Every structure is written in structure tokens, then in C-alpha cells.
């Protein structure tokens, strides 16, 4: 559409500092906070900040995905 900027925003969470060192509850909170900061941006992608180190607790990955799934869905593109 004219006047729109076609850009994808990628926010991320630190793989070692968040996914490996924090609790599952803290990972979920950080993920929720990041999604809240990006609210209103339909072009936001929620990735980790890079490769997850070996030994990343699976509970932390579950918390990340649970927070992502609980985020309000974006309306369909017009």
C-alpha cells in the first residue's frame, strides 16, 4: 500500500542470559514483556537472540512458547 513501510521487526531474548540462566517463570515474564513492548506492530517476529546453548532447560522453552501462544492474536491483514 502506498505510504506504508515494509519492514519486519525482530525482537529477541538473550539465549544464554535468559533461556539458560533464568527460571521458567522469569522466561515467561521476559517474553510477555517483550510482546507487550511490540504490541501494535503487526510485523513483529519473536525469536530467541540466536542459537540456544546445549543444556537449555526445556521448561524454559515451554515457558517461552506458552507466553507466545497466550499473546492476543493479530487481526487478519487487510
C-alpha atoms as a PDB file:
ATOM      1  CA  UNK A   1       0.000   0.000   0.000  1.00  0.00           C
ATOM      2  CA  UNK A   2       1.270   3.491  -0.676  1.00  0.00           C
ATOM      3  CA  UNK A   3       2.758   5.235   2.325  1.00  0.00           C
ATOM      4  CA  UNK A   4       3.434   2.032   4.268  1.00  0.00           C
ATOM      5  CA  UNK A   5       6.899   0.897   5.204  1.00  0.00           C
ATOM      6  CA  UNK A   6       7.527  -2.785   4.544  1.00  0.00           C
ATOM      7  CA  UNK A   7       9.803  -3.756   7.438  1.00  0.00           C
ATOM      8  CA  UNK A   8       9.921  -6.738   9.769  1.00  0.00           C
ATOM      9  CA  UNK A   9      10.794  -6.080  13.406  1.00  0.00           C
ATOM     10  CA  UNK A  10      12.694  -8.815  15.241  1.00  0.00           C
ATOM     11  CA  UNK A  11      12.887  -8.564  18.983  1.00  0.00           C
ATOM     12  CA  UNK A  12      14.761 -11.180  20.879  1.00  0.00           C
ATOM     13  CA  UNK A  13      15.682 -12.648  24.215  1.00  0.00           C
ATOM     14  CA  UNK A  14      19.296 -13.373  25.133  1.00  0.00           C
ATOM     15  CA  UNK A  15      19.873 -17.121  24.656  1.00  0.00           C
ATOM     16  CA  UNK A  16      22.400 -17.521  27.478  1.00  0.00           C
ATOM     17  CA  UNK A  17      21.266 -14.775  29.850  1.00  0.00           C
ATOM     18  CA  UNK A  18      17.546 -15.506  29.665  1.00  0.00           C
ATOM     19  CA  UNK A  19      16.931 -19.021  28.371  1.00  0.00           C
ATOM     20  CA  UNK A  20      19.761 -20.710  30.282  1.00  0.00           C
ATOM     21  CA  UNK A  21      20.171 -18.688  33.459  1.00  0.00           C
ATOM     22  CA  UNK A  22      16.647 -17.702  34.450  1.00  0.00           C
ATOM     23  CA  UNK A  23      13.732 -19.713  35.785  1.00  0.00           C
ATOM     24  CA  UNK A  24      10.821 -20.742  33.580  1.00  0.00           C
ATOM     25  CA  UNK A  25       8.646 -18.114  35.282  1.00  0.00           C
ATOM     26  CA  UNK A  26      11.220 -15.415  34.536  1.00  0.00           C
ATOM     27  CA  UNK A  27      11.491 -16.527  30.885  1.00  0.00           C
ATOM     28  CA  UNK A  28       7.716 -16.315  30.561  1.00  0.00           C
ATOM     29  CA  UNK A  29       7.712 -12.835  32.132  1.00  0.00           C
ATOM     30  CA  UNK A  30      10.510 -11.587  29.862  1.00  0.00           C
ATOM     31  CA  UNK A  31       8.690 -12.989  26.830  1.00  0.00           C
ATOM     32  CA  UNK A  32       5.419 -11.382  27.889  1.00  0.00           C
ATOM     33  CA  UNK A  33       7.197  -8.051  28.477  1.00  0.00           C
ATOM     34  CA  UNK A  34       8.798  -8.192  25.025  1.00  0.00           C
ATOM     35  CA  UNK A  35       5.448  -8.954  23.381  1.00  0.00           C
ATOM     36  CA  UNK A  36       3.846  -6.065  25.274  1.00  0.00           C
ATOM     37  CA  UNK A  37       6.578  -3.710  24.073  1.00  0.00           C
ATOM     38  CA  UNK A  38       5.907  -4.803  20.484  1.00  0.00           C
ATOM     39  CA  UNK A  39       2.128  -4.632  20.781  1.00  0.00           C
ATOM     40  CA  UNK A  40       0.554  -2.908  17.832  1.00  0.00           C
ATOM     41  CA  UNK A  41       3.323  -3.868  15.438  1.00  0.00           C
ATOM     42  CA  UNK A  42       1.817  -6.430  13.072  1.00  0.00           C
ATOM     43  CA  UNK A  43       5.244  -7.098  11.575  1.00  0.00           C
ATOM     44  CA  UNK A  44       6.949  -8.271  14.775  1.00  0.00           C
ATOM     45  CA  UNK A  45       8.785 -11.602  14.914  1.00  0.00           C
ATOM     46  CA  UNK A  46       9.515 -13.205  18.303  1.00  0.00           C
ATOM     47  CA  UNK A  47      12.794 -15.143  18.097  1.00  0.00           C
ATOM     48  CA  UNK A  48      15.414 -16.127  20.581  1.00  0.00           C
ATOM     49  CA  UNK A  49      18.509 -13.979  20.204  1.00  0.00           C
ATOM     50  CA  UNK A  50      20.386 -16.744  18.388  1.00  0.00           C
ATOM     51  CA  UNK A  51      21.221 -20.384  18.849  1.00  0.00           C
ATOM     52  CA  UNK A  52      20.168 -21.763  22.191  1.00  0.00           C
ATOM     53  CA  UNK A  53      23.061 -23.333  24.089  1.00  0.00           C
ATOM     54  CA  UNK A  54      23.098 -27.058  24.734  1.00  0.00           C
ATOM     55  CA  UNK A  55      21.579 -27.698  28.109  1.00  0.00           C
ATOM     56  CA  UNK A  56      18.906 -25.023  27.821  1.00  0.00           C
ATOM     57  CA  UNK A  57      16.177 -26.193  30.216  1.00  0.00           C
ATOM     58  CA  UNK A  58      13.177 -27.499  28.286  1.00  0.00           C
ATOM     59  CA  UNK A  59      10.886 -25.916  30.883  1.00  0.00           C
ATOM     60  CA  UNK A  60      12.240 -22.541  29.772  1.00  0.00           C
ATOM     61  CA  UNK A  61      11.417 -23.273  26.141  1.00  0.00           C
ATOM     62  CA  UNK A  62       7.946 -24.371  27.182  1.00  0.00           C
ATOM     63  CA  UNK A  63       7.530 -21.082  29.079  1.00  0.00           C
ATOM     64  CA  UNK A  64       8.658 -19.086  26.015  1.00  0.00           C
ATOM     65  CA  UNK A  65       6.146 -20.815  23.748  1.00  0.00           C
ATOM     66  CA  UNK A  66       3.364 -20.612  26.344  1.00  0.00           C
ATOM     67  CA  UNK A  67       3.830 -16.840  26.568  1.00  0.00           C
ATOM     68  CA  UNK A  68       3.859 -16.528  22.787  1.00  0.00           C
ATOM     69  CA  UNK A  69       0.671 -18.590  22.445  1.00  0.00           C
ATOM     70  CA  UNK A  70      -1.116 -16.605  25.135  1.00  0.00           C
ATOM     71  CA  UNK A  71      -0.467 -13.307  23.355  1.00  0.00           C
ATOM     72  CA  UNK A  72      -3.550 -11.835  21.746  1.00  0.00           C
ATOM     73  CA  UNK A  73      -3.743 -12.869  18.095  1.00  0.00           C
ATOM     74  CA  UNK A  74      -3.248 -10.215  15.482  1.00  0.00           C
ATOM     75  CA  UNK A  75      -6.262  -9.388  13.305  1.00  0.00           C
ATOM     76  CA  UNK A  76      -6.129 -10.650   9.704  1.00  0.00           C
ATOM     77  CA  UNK A  77      -4.253  -8.456   7.253  1.00  0.00           C
ATOM     78  CA  UNK A  78      -6.487  -6.132   5.277  1.00  0.00           C
END
